[in-house]
Each structure stands twice: as C-alpha cells, then as structure tokens.
Amino acid sequence: MYNPPRYASNQESEIVEIVSGHPLATMITTANGETHVSHVPLILEKSENGFTLIGHLARANPHWKALSAADSLAIFHGPQTYITPLWYEHCDVPTWNYVVAHLSGRAKLLDSEEGTLQALRSLTDKTEGSGGWKFEIPADLAAPGVMMKSIIGFEIPVSTMSAKLKLSQNKSSTDFAGVLHGLATQRSDEQSKRVGAWMSRLVKQTGHK
C-alpha cells in the first residue's frame, strides 16, 4: 500500500487495536494466475512465536484452495470519514481520513476437524465475550466429518504487518484543529467520532502530527 512516512505506523498496539475492533477483513490471495477475494472475520492471536490470524472459509468458496499456494493479504478497515475543506483556515480541497491495517503471511489449512472447531471457538469467544453464546455444532453438522464438508479453518502466521493512519497530519496546526472541531460539532455518526478520537490521540502523542 502507498503509505507515506507521515501516515505509517508499525506500532503493535495500534495494529492490534484496529484488527480487534474491525475483525471483518478483506482477504486477498493471488495464486496460479487467479486473484481470490473474500470478506471474512479473522481473529488475531499472539504467542511467543509472533502473531497468527485465525479464520475459516466455506468449502464452496474456491479461495481456500489457493491459501497454501501463496501469501495472503488481510486488510482491516478501521474508522473513516469525509473531510470538508470548509474546516480549513483557507479553503483547499476535500479529502478522506481513515485508519487501516494490512497483515500478510502464508496460510496453513486446518485439515483436522478439531483444528477447524478450535478456529470457530476462537472466533466465538472473541466476538461473544463473557456471558455470550457458547459455541456448539448445529445438529445437522454434528455427525463426524459432516462439518468439514462445509467449511475449512486456516491459520496465517503473520510475516508482515503495518498500519496507515491518514489523519490530517499533512495539515497545519490550525487546519488540524479545524478538522477536529468540525468532526466534534458537525458530525454525529460513529465513524466520524472514532476518526476524531484517533486524531485526538495523535495530539497527545505528538503535539499535533
């Protein structure tokens, strides 16, 4: 991805926050002359060996057959919002502020039923939280081997990870403050609020940019 230094972040905590808060990834794999794209929830887990993305695909989706043949890129889209030039000291051009994380690696298929079950449990535990629904296999998939005809789990040991935080860092302090004020006073949608929160954090970390 095009990621100028002013926007680039390799901070582990920021990348984990983006992935954890926006787990529905756009996963892209190009293998054997074909590009496969799937939108799939992925869970990020950390061990002494590094980070691993865990997910599953439908067997009917040919994407899974390409996973072990080439690296996959998982794109996690964080908050995003339109920025009007009316918020600048001198009217300029409109733009878009956004937060995104890219993680990539070569996937390993979880061919065993227990491996795929564990992938499903991990997804359920992370998304349901304590007191939520506990994973159980539906009755029509409970017979040995039946579930594996429908889905297949996978793990992606993460080899590269980065984030892009495009948050008006290229603007003057006055224009940056104008964007923050505009988001706070003229927008009520959740996306704009979250972009504003990321920008406010930037102020605390760097004094502006």
C-alpha atoms as a PDB file:
ATOM      1  CA  MET A   1       0.000   0.000   0.000  1.00  0.00           C
ATOM      2  CA  TYR A   2       1.093   3.566  -0.620  1.00  0.00           C
ATOM      3  CA  ASN A   3       1.979   4.704   2.882  1.00  0.00           C
ATOM      4  CA  PRO A   4       3.995   7.936   3.266  1.00  0.00           C
ATOM      5  CA  PRO A   5       6.089   8.088   6.455  1.00  0.00           C
ATOM      6  CA  ARG A   6       3.835  10.744   8.000  1.00  0.00           C
ATOM      7  CA  TYR A   7       0.922   8.271   7.966  1.00  0.00           C
ATOM      8  CA  ALA A   8       2.755   4.994   8.554  1.00  0.00           C
ATOM      9  CA  SER A   9       2.568   3.136  11.844  1.00  0.00           C
ATOM     10  CA  ASN A  10       4.283  -0.066  12.867  1.00  0.00           C
ATOM     11  CA  GLN A  11       3.193   0.202  16.487  1.00  0.00           C
ATOM     12  CA  GLU A  12       1.993  -3.211  17.566  1.00  0.00           C
ATOM     13  CA  SER A  13      -0.630  -1.811  19.928  1.00  0.00           C
ATOM     14  CA  GLU A  14      -2.234   0.318  17.199  1.00  0.00           C
ATOM     15  CA  ILE A  15      -2.342  -2.540  14.709  1.00  0.00           C
ATOM     16  CA  VAL A  16      -3.853  -4.898  17.290  1.00  0.00           C
ATOM     17  CA  GLU A  17      -6.479  -2.271  18.150  1.00  0.00           C
ATOM     18  CA  ILE A  18      -7.509  -1.875  14.506  1.00  0.00           C
ATOM     19  CA  VAL A  19      -7.719  -5.627  13.900  1.00  0.00           C
ATOM     20  CA  SER A  20      -9.551  -6.366  17.150  1.00  0.00           C
ATOM     21  CA  GLY A  21     -12.031  -3.539  16.660  1.00  0.00           C
ATOM     22  CA  HIS A  22     -12.739  -4.315  12.987  1.00  0.00           C
ATOM     23  CA  PRO A  23     -12.292  -8.093  12.546  1.00  0.00           C
ATOM     24  CA  LEU A  24     -14.132  -8.400   9.216  1.00  0.00           C
ATOM     25  CA  ALA A  25     -11.166  -8.414   6.833  1.00  0.00           C
ATOM     26  CA  THR A  26     -10.835  -8.210   3.080  1.00  0.00           C
ATOM     27  CA  MET A  27      -8.552 -11.182   2.379  1.00  0.00           C
ATOM     28  CA  ILE A  28      -6.740 -11.303  -0.959  1.00  0.00           C
ATOM     29  CA  THR A  29      -4.720 -14.200  -2.376  1.00  0.00           C
ATOM     30  CA  THR A  30      -3.202 -14.323  -5.860  1.00  0.00           C
ATOM     31  CA  ALA A  31      -2.111 -17.795  -6.969  1.00  0.00           C
ATOM     32  CA  ASN A  32      -1.851 -19.664 -10.265  1.00  0.00           C
ATOM     33  CA  GLY A  33      -2.890 -16.599 -12.237  1.00  0.00           C
ATOM     34  CA  GLU A  34      -6.083 -16.011 -10.256  1.00  0.00           C
ATOM     35  CA  THR A  35      -6.890 -13.408  -7.621  1.00  0.00           C
ATOM     36  CA  HIS A  36      -9.263 -14.526  -4.875  1.00  0.00           C
ATOM     37  CA  VAL A  37     -11.013 -12.028  -2.616  1.00  0.00           C
ATOM     38  CA  SER A  38     -13.108 -12.962   0.422  1.00  0.00           C
ATOM     39  CA  HIS A  39     -14.635 -10.933   3.236  1.00  0.00           C
ATOM     40  CA  VAL A  40     -14.083 -12.971   6.347  1.00  0.00           C
ATOM     41  CA  PRO A  41     -13.816 -12.358  10.117  1.00  0.00           C
ATOM     42  CA  LEU A  42     -10.290 -13.019  11.362  1.00  0.00           C
ATOM     43  CA  ILE A  43      -9.070 -13.297  14.942  1.00  0.00           C
ATOM     44  CA  LEU A  44      -5.549 -12.153  15.832  1.00  0.00           C
ATOM     45  CA  GLU A  45      -3.727 -14.185  18.463  1.00  0.00           C
ATOM     46  CA  LYS A  46      -0.242 -13.665  19.859  1.00  0.00           C
ATOM     47  CA  SER A  47       2.184 -16.314  21.088  1.00  0.00           C
ATOM     48  CA  GLU A  48       5.902 -16.492  21.738  1.00  0.00           C
ATOM     49  CA  ASN A  49       6.333 -17.151  18.005  1.00  0.00           C
ATOM     50  CA  GLY A  50       4.531 -13.979  16.958  1.00  0.00           C
ATOM     51  CA  PHE A  51       1.068 -13.155  15.655  1.00  0.00           C
ATOM     52  CA  THR A  52      -1.368 -15.508  13.923  1.00  0.00           C
ATOM     53  CA  LEU A  53      -4.628 -14.762  12.138  1.00  0.00           C
ATOM     54  CA  ILE A  54      -7.301 -17.437  12.513  1.00  0.00           C
ATOM     55  CA  GLY A  55     -10.370 -17.873  10.332  1.00  0.00           C
ATOM     56  CA  HIS A  56     -12.407 -20.201   8.166  1.00  0.00           C
ATOM     57  CA  LEU A  57     -13.917 -20.328   4.685  1.00  0.00           C
ATOM     58  CA  ALA A  58     -16.777 -22.193   3.094  1.00  0.00           C
ATOM     59  CA  ARG A  59     -15.675 -25.256   1.137  1.00  0.00           C
ATOM     60  CA  ALA A  60     -17.801 -23.958  -1.739  1.00  0.00           C
ATOM     61  CA  ASN A  61     -15.529 -20.898  -1.902  1.00  0.00           C
ATOM     62  CA  PRO A  62     -12.543 -21.799  -4.156  1.00  0.00           C
ATOM     63  CA  HIS A  63     -10.413 -19.273  -2.279  1.00  0.00           C
ATOM     64  CA  TRP A  64      -9.405 -21.882   0.293  1.00  0.00           C
ATOM     65  CA  LYS A  65      -7.654 -23.969  -2.355  1.00  0.00           C
ATOM     66  CA  ALA A  66      -5.266 -21.084  -3.086  1.00  0.00           C
ATOM     67  CA  LEU A  67      -4.338 -20.339   0.527  1.00  0.00           C
ATOM     68  CA  SER A  68      -1.346 -22.655   0.794  1.00  0.00           C
ATOM     69  CA  ALA A  69      -0.007 -21.698  -2.649  1.00  0.00           C
ATOM     70  CA  ALA A  70       0.766 -18.028  -1.992  1.00  0.00           C
ATOM     71  CA  ASP A  71       0.825 -15.351   0.677  1.00  0.00           C
ATOM     72  CA  SER A  72      -2.484 -13.771   1.605  1.00  0.00           C
ATOM     73  CA  LEU A  73      -3.067 -10.132   2.445  1.00  0.00           C
ATOM     74  CA  ALA A  74      -5.694  -9.283   5.058  1.00  0.00           C
ATOM     75  CA  ILE A  75      -6.950  -5.695   5.064  1.00  0.00           C
ATOM     76  CA  PHE A  76      -8.714  -4.446   8.183  1.00  0.00           C
ATOM     77  CA  HIS A  77     -10.708  -1.272   7.610  1.00  0.00           C
ATOM     78  CA  GLY A  78     -10.878   0.948  10.664  1.00  0.00           C
ATOM     79  CA  PRO A  79     -12.899   4.153  11.033  1.00  0.00           C
ATOM     80  CA  GLN A  80     -13.138   6.504   8.047  1.00  0.00           C
ATOM     81  CA  THR A  81     -14.868   9.762   7.218  1.00  0.00           C
ATOM     82  CA  TYR A  82     -15.067  12.573   4.670  1.00  0.00           C
ATOM     83  CA  ILE A  83     -13.227  15.818   5.450  1.00  0.00           C
ATOM     84  CA  THR A  84     -14.676  19.009   4.008  1.00  0.00           C
ATOM     85  CA  PRO A  85     -12.298  21.856   3.066  1.00  0.00           C
ATOM     86  CA  LEU A  86     -14.659  24.259   4.833  1.00  0.00           C
ATOM     87  CA  TRP A  87     -12.925  23.266   8.054  1.00  0.00           C
ATOM     88  CA  TYR A  88      -9.554  24.657   6.907  1.00  0.00           C
ATOM     89  CA  GLU A  89      -8.317  28.184   7.538  1.00  0.00           C
ATOM     90  CA  HIS A  90      -8.074  28.699   3.785  1.00  0.00           C
ATOM     91  CA  CYS A  91     -10.421  26.607   1.642  1.00  0.00           C
ATOM     92  CA  ASP A  92      -8.466  23.833  -0.068  1.00  0.00           C
ATOM     93  CA  VAL A  93      -9.730  20.521  -1.469  1.00  0.00           C
ATOM     94  CA  PRO A  94     -11.762  17.757   0.212  1.00  0.00           C
ATOM     95  CA  THR A  95     -10.151  14.553   1.396  1.00  0.00           C
ATOM     96  CA  TRP A  96     -10.842  11.396   3.385  1.00  0.00           C
ATOM     97  CA  ASN A  97      -9.390  10.497   6.768  1.00  0.00           C
ATOM     98  CA  TYR A  98      -9.113   6.826   7.624  1.00  0.00           C
ATOM     99  CA  VAL A  99      -7.345   4.133   9.607  1.00  0.00           C
ATOM    100  CA  VAL A 100      -6.415   0.777   8.052  1.00  0.00           C
ATOM    101  CA  ALA A 101      -4.153  -2.183   8.871  1.00  0.00           C
ATOM    102  CA  HIS A 102      -2.509  -4.660   6.487  1.00  0.00           C
ATOM    103  CA  LEU A 103      -1.302  -8.082   7.668  1.00  0.00           C
ATOM    104  CA  SER A 104       0.097 -10.783   5.420  1.00  0.00           C
ATOM    105  CA  GLY A 105       1.503 -14.299   5.541  1.00  0.00           C
ATOM    106  CA  ARG A 106       1.249 -17.802   4.103  1.00  0.00           C
ATOM    107  CA  ALA A 107      -1.828 -19.619   5.368  1.00  0.00           C
ATOM    108  CA  LYS A 108      -1.863 -23.141   6.786  1.00  0.00           C
ATOM    109  CA  LEU A 109      -5.048 -25.128   6.293  1.00  0.00           C
ATOM    110  CA  LEU A 110      -6.550 -26.783   9.356  1.00  0.00           C
ATOM    111  CA  ASP A 111      -7.384 -30.114   7.759  1.00  0.00           C
ATOM    112  CA  SER A 112      -8.427 -31.785  11.003  1.00  0.00           C
ATOM    113  CA  GLU A 113     -11.933 -31.359  12.349  1.00  0.00           C
ATOM    114  CA  GLU A 114     -10.588 -30.385  15.754  1.00  0.00           C
ATOM    115  CA  GLY A 115      -8.416 -27.669  14.193  1.00  0.00           C
ATOM    116  CA  THR A 116     -11.389 -26.135  12.418  1.00  0.00           C
ATOM    117  CA  LEU A 117     -13.534 -26.454  15.551  1.00  0.00           C
ATOM    118  CA  GLN A 118     -10.891 -24.584  17.534  1.00  0.00           C
ATOM    119  CA  ALA A 119     -10.886 -21.800  14.911  1.00  0.00           C
ATOM    120  CA  LEU A 120     -14.650 -21.495  15.330  1.00  0.00           C
ATOM    121  CA  ARG A 121     -14.364 -21.485  19.124  1.00  0.00           C
ATOM    122  CA  SER A 122     -11.728 -18.726  18.993  1.00  0.00           C
ATOM    123  CA  LEU A 123     -13.975 -16.584  16.815  1.00  0.00           C
ATOM    124  CA  THR A 124     -16.966 -17.163  19.089  1.00  0.00           C
ATOM    125  CA  ASP A 125     -15.047 -16.449  22.295  1.00  0.00           C
ATOM    126  CA  LYS A 126     -13.611 -13.188  20.949  1.00  0.00           C
ATOM    127  CA  THR A 127     -16.840 -11.855  19.471  1.00  0.00           C
ATOM    128  CA  GLU A 128     -19.362 -13.061  22.071  1.00  0.00           C
ATOM    129  CA  GLY A 129     -17.311 -12.191  25.141  1.00  0.00           C
ATOM    130  CA  SER A 130     -18.027 -13.465  28.632  1.00  0.00           C
ATOM    131  CA  GLY A 131     -21.649 -14.370  29.208  1.00  0.00           C
ATOM    132  CA  GLY A 132     -22.382 -14.671  25.498  1.00  0.00           C
ATOM    133  CA  TRP A 133     -23.352 -17.609  23.319  1.00  0.00           C
ATOM    134  CA  LYS A 134     -21.073 -20.624  23.680  1.00  0.00           C
ATOM    135  CA  PHE A 135     -20.054 -22.403  20.511  1.00  0.00           C
ATOM    136  CA  GLU A 136     -21.780 -25.652  19.702  1.00  0.00           C
ATOM    137  CA  ILE A 137     -22.085 -27.612  16.484  1.00  0.00           C
ATOM    138  CA  PRO A 138     -25.567 -27.475  14.916  1.00  0.00           C
ATOM    139  CA  ALA A 139     -27.364 -30.810  14.966  1.00  0.00           C
ATOM    140  CA  ASP A 140     -27.278 -31.156  11.174  1.00  0.00           C
ATOM    141  CA  LEU A 141     -23.473 -30.879  11.227  1.00  0.00           C
ATOM    142  CA  ALA A 142     -22.762 -32.913  14.344  1.00  0.00           C
ATOM    143  CA  ALA A 143     -22.017 -36.270  12.705  1.00  0.00           C
ATOM    144  CA  PRO A 144     -18.265 -36.919  12.287  1.00  0.00           C
ATOM    145  CA  GLY A 145     -16.903 -35.409   9.077  1.00  0.00           C
ATOM    146  CA  VAL A 146     -20.086 -33.580   8.074  1.00  0.00           C
ATOM    147  CA  MET A 147     -18.959 -30.136   9.169  1.00  0.00           C
ATOM    148  CA  MET A 148     -15.644 -30.487   7.336  1.00  0.00           C
ATOM    149  CA  LYS A 149     -17.572 -30.917   4.087  1.00  0.00           C
ATOM    150  CA  SER A 150     -18.966 -27.412   4.570  1.00  0.00           C
ATOM    151  CA  ILE A 151     -16.093 -25.314   5.935  1.00  0.00           C
ATOM    152  CA  ILE A 152     -12.340 -25.397   6.473  1.00  0.00           C
ATOM    153  CA  GLY A 153     -10.317 -23.491   9.035  1.00  0.00           C
ATOM    154  CA  PHE A 154      -6.950 -21.857   8.475  1.00  0.00           C
ATOM    155  CA  GLU A 155      -4.186 -20.025  10.287  1.00  0.00           C
ATOM    156  CA  ILE A 156      -1.982 -17.287   8.859  1.00  0.00           C
ATOM    157  CA  PRO A 157       1.333 -16.829  10.694  1.00  0.00           C
ATOM    158  CA  VAL A 158       1.809 -13.093  10.192  1.00  0.00           C
ATOM    159  CA  SER A 159       5.039 -12.221   8.376  1.00  0.00           C
ATOM    160  CA  THR A 160       4.384  -8.508   7.815  1.00  0.00           C
ATOM    161  CA  MET A 161       2.055  -6.039   9.487  1.00  0.00           C
ATOM    162  CA  SER A 162       1.613  -2.290   9.161  1.00  0.00           C
ATOM    163  CA  ALA A 163      -0.981   0.415   9.567  1.00  0.00           C
ATOM    164  CA  LYS A 164      -1.853   3.630   7.789  1.00  0.00           C
ATOM    165  CA  LEU A 165      -3.288   6.418   9.914  1.00  0.00           C
ATOM    166  CA  LYS A 166      -4.312   9.165   7.496  1.00  0.00           C
ATOM    167  CA  LEU A 167      -5.481  11.765   9.976  1.00  0.00           C
ATOM    168  CA  SER A 168      -4.660  15.219   8.558  1.00  0.00           C
ATOM    169  CA  GLN A 169      -1.001  15.033   9.643  1.00  0.00           C
ATOM    170  CA  ASN A 170      -0.088  16.933   6.464  1.00  0.00           C
ATOM    171  CA  LYS A 171      -2.104  19.967   7.541  1.00  0.00           C
ATOM    172  CA  SER A 172      -1.082  22.967   9.621  1.00  0.00           C
ATOM    173  CA  SER A 173      -1.893  23.005  13.317  1.00  0.00           C
ATOM    174  CA  THR A 174      -4.719  25.431  12.605  1.00  0.00           C
ATOM    175  CA  ASP A 175      -6.267  23.236   9.914  1.00  0.00           C
ATOM    176  CA  PHE A 176      -5.777  20.108  12.024  1.00  0.00           C
ATOM    177  CA  ALA A 177      -7.634  21.786  14.877  1.00  0.00           C
ATOM    178  CA  GLY A 178     -10.327  22.893  12.437  1.00  0.00           C
ATOM    179  CA  VAL A 179     -10.897  19.313  11.316  1.00  0.00           C
ATOM    180  CA  LEU A 180     -11.105  18.107  14.916  1.00  0.00           C
ATOM    181  CA  HIS A 181     -13.589  20.863  15.761  1.00  0.00           C
ATOM    182  CA  GLY A 182     -15.682  20.113  12.674  1.00  0.00           C
ATOM    183  CA  LEU A 183     -15.857  16.415  13.448  1.00  0.00           C
ATOM    184  CA  ALA A 184     -16.854  17.145  17.051  1.00  0.00           C
ATOM    185  CA  THR A 185     -19.510  19.778  16.322  1.00  0.00           C
ATOM    186  CA  GLN A 186     -20.893  18.993  12.864  1.00  0.00           C
ATOM    187  CA  ARG A 187     -20.892  15.210  12.735  1.00  0.00           C
ATOM    188  CA  SER A 188     -22.864  12.796  14.869  1.00  0.00           C
ATOM    189  CA  ASP A 189     -22.105   9.486  13.112  1.00  0.00           C
ATOM    190  CA  GLU A 190     -19.985   6.855  14.839  1.00  0.00           C
ATOM    191  CA  GLN A 191     -17.321   6.761  12.107  1.00  0.00           C
ATOM    192  CA  SER A 192     -16.576  10.478  12.449  1.00  0.00           C
ATOM    193  CA  LYS A 193     -16.450  10.202  16.238  1.00  0.00           C
ATOM    194  CA  ARG A 194     -13.884   7.418  16.010  1.00  0.00           C
ATOM    195  CA  VAL A 195     -11.742   9.295  13.495  1.00  0.00           C
ATOM    196  CA  GLY A 196     -11.849  12.273  15.851  1.00  0.00           C
ATOM    197  CA  ALA A 197     -10.732  10.050  18.731  1.00  0.00           C
ATOM    198  CA  TRP A 198      -7.745   8.813  16.721  1.00  0.00           C
ATOM    199  CA  MET A 199      -6.844  12.415  15.847  1.00  0.00           C
ATOM    200  CA  SER A 200      -7.113  13.478  19.495  1.00  0.00           C
ATOM    201  CA  ARG A 201      -4.765  10.654  20.435  1.00  0.00           C
ATOM    202  CA  LEU A 202      -2.327  11.928  17.830  1.00  0.00           C
ATOM    203  CA  VAL A 203      -2.341  15.329  19.525  1.00  0.00           C
ATOM    204  CA  LYS A 204      -1.478  13.744  22.873  1.00  0.00           C
ATOM    205  CA  GLN A 205       1.316  11.658  21.365  1.00  0.00           C
ATOM    206  CA  THR A 206       2.984  14.249  19.170  1.00  0.00           C
ATOM    207  CA  GLY A 207       1.549  17.657  19.942  1.00  0.00           C
ATOM    208  CA  HIS A 208      -0.147  17.577  16.523  1.00  0.00           C
ATOM    209  CA  LYS A 209       1.421  15.348  13.875  1.00  0.00           C
END
